[in-house]
Amino acid sequence: MVRVPPGQYEMMLKEPHARPMDFTGRPLRGFVYVDPKGLRTDGALEKWLKRAIAFASSLPAK
């Protein structure tokens, strides 16, 4: 599960192995579920981690 910027949500859903996070039966906008197949290589995992870290770093401190 990756939290993504609202303006990039639709774009991220077009990535291979990505789908809306809908564990409750309703998609939670701003969160993308990446199937393990989409994280098999170091490069793929790094790409998703960088995206998640970049967005989390942009949020105000709690």
C-alpha atoms as a PDB file:
ATOM      1  CA  MET A   1       0.000   0.000   0.000  1.00  0.00           C
ATOM      2  CA  VAL A   2       1.388   3.380  -1.024  1.00  0.00           C
ATOM      3  CA  ARG A   3       0.009   6.800  -0.177  1.00  0.00           C
ATOM      4  CA  VAL A   4       0.231   9.063  -3.204  1.00  0.00           C
ATOM      5  CA  PRO A   5      -0.473  12.734  -3.899  1.00  0.00           C
ATOM      6  CA  PRO A   6      -4.105  13.383  -4.861  1.00  0.00           C
ATOM      7  CA  GLY A   7      -3.038  14.900  -8.183  1.00  0.00           C
ATOM      8  CA  GLN A   8      -1.090  11.755  -9.107  1.00  0.00           C
ATOM      9  CA  TYR A   9      -3.603   9.142  -7.942  1.00  0.00           C
ATOM     10  CA  GLU A  10      -5.106   8.387 -11.379  1.00  0.00           C
ATOM     11  CA  MET A  11      -1.662   8.293 -13.008  1.00  0.00           C
ATOM     12  CA  MET A  12      -0.357   5.839 -10.386  1.00  0.00           C
ATOM     13  CA  LEU A  13      -3.337   3.545 -10.986  1.00  0.00           C
ATOM     14  CA  LYS A  14      -2.182   3.153 -14.595  1.00  0.00           C
ATOM     15  CA  GLU A  15       1.104   1.623 -13.426  1.00  0.00           C
ATOM     16  CA  PRO A  16       1.456  -2.157 -13.855  1.00  0.00           C
ATOM     17  CA  HIS A  17       0.217  -4.152 -10.852  1.00  0.00           C
ATOM     18  CA  ALA A  18      -1.376  -1.098  -9.188  1.00  0.00           C
ATOM     19  CA  ARG A  19      -5.024  -0.848  -8.206  1.00  0.00           C
ATOM     20  CA  PRO A  20      -7.163   1.200  -5.856  1.00  0.00           C
ATOM     21  CA  MET A  21      -6.839   0.262  -2.211  1.00  0.00           C
ATOM     22  CA  ASP A  22     -10.290  -1.048  -1.402  1.00  0.00           C
ATOM     23  CA  PHE A  23      -9.968  -3.304   1.613  1.00  0.00           C
ATOM     24  CA  THR A  24     -13.234  -1.917   3.013  1.00  0.00           C
ATOM     25  CA  GLY A  25     -15.119  -2.414  -0.257  1.00  0.00           C
ATOM     26  CA  ARG A  26     -14.808   1.254  -1.186  1.00  0.00           C
ATOM     27  CA  PRO A  27     -11.707   2.665  -2.870  1.00  0.00           C
ATOM     28  CA  LEU A  28      -9.704   4.944  -0.598  1.00  0.00           C
ATOM     29  CA  ARG A  29      -8.499   7.784  -2.813  1.00  0.00           C
ATOM     30  CA  GLY A  30      -4.890   8.684  -2.295  1.00  0.00           C
ATOM     31  CA  PHE A  31      -3.850   5.124  -1.512  1.00  0.00           C
ATOM     32  CA  VAL A  32      -2.718   2.614  -4.133  1.00  0.00           C
ATOM     33  CA  TYR A  33      -2.280  -1.106  -3.585  1.00  0.00           C
ATOM     34  CA  VAL A  34       0.696  -2.531  -5.463  1.00  0.00           C
ATOM     35  CA  ASP A  35       0.547  -6.267  -6.040  1.00  0.00           C
ATOM     36  CA  PRO A  36       3.687  -8.137  -4.926  1.00  0.00           C
ATOM     37  CA  LYS A  37       4.364  -8.919  -8.604  1.00  0.00           C
ATOM     38  CA  GLY A  38       4.923  -5.193  -9.084  1.00  0.00           C
ATOM     39  CA  LEU A  39       7.638  -5.156  -6.437  1.00  0.00           C
ATOM     40  CA  ARG A  40       9.730  -8.144  -7.513  1.00  0.00           C
ATOM     41  CA  THR A  41      12.769  -6.249  -8.698  1.00  0.00           C
ATOM     42  CA  ASP A  42      14.893  -3.894  -6.649  1.00  0.00           C
ATOM     43  CA  GLY A  43      14.212  -1.165  -9.198  1.00  0.00           C
ATOM     44  CA  ALA A  44      10.434  -1.545  -8.993  1.00  0.00           C
ATOM     45  CA  LEU A  45      10.470  -1.579  -5.201  1.00  0.00           C
ATOM     46  CA  GLU A  46      12.754   1.450  -5.113  1.00  0.00           C
ATOM     47  CA  LYS A  47      10.470   3.364  -7.503  1.00  0.00           C
ATOM     48  CA  TRP A  48       7.409   2.851  -5.279  1.00  0.00           C
ATOM     49  CA  LEU A  49       9.336   3.547  -2.081  1.00  0.00           C
ATOM     50  CA  LYS A  50      10.705   6.812  -3.475  1.00  0.00           C
ATOM     51  CA  ARG A  51       7.195   7.906  -4.423  1.00  0.00           C
ATOM     52  CA  ALA A  52       5.829   7.062  -0.988  1.00  0.00           C
ATOM     53  CA  ILE A  53       8.697   8.741   0.856  1.00  0.00           C
ATOM     54  CA  ALA A  54       8.485  11.868  -1.303  1.00  0.00           C
ATOM     55  CA  PHE A  55       4.785  12.287  -0.568  1.00  0.00           C
ATOM     56  CA  ALA A  56       5.077  11.478   3.140  1.00  0.00           C
ATOM     57  CA  SER A  57       7.938  13.966   3.432  1.00  0.00           C
ATOM     58  CA  SER A  58       5.746  16.689   1.928  1.00  0.00           C
ATOM     59  CA  LEU A  59       3.083  16.350   4.634  1.00  0.00           C
ATOM     60  CA  PRO A  60       3.095  18.596   7.706  1.00  0.00           C
ATOM     61  CA  ALA A  61       4.690  17.138  10.824  1.00  0.00           C
ATOM     62  CA  LYS A  62       2.322  15.681  13.377  1.00  0.00           C
END
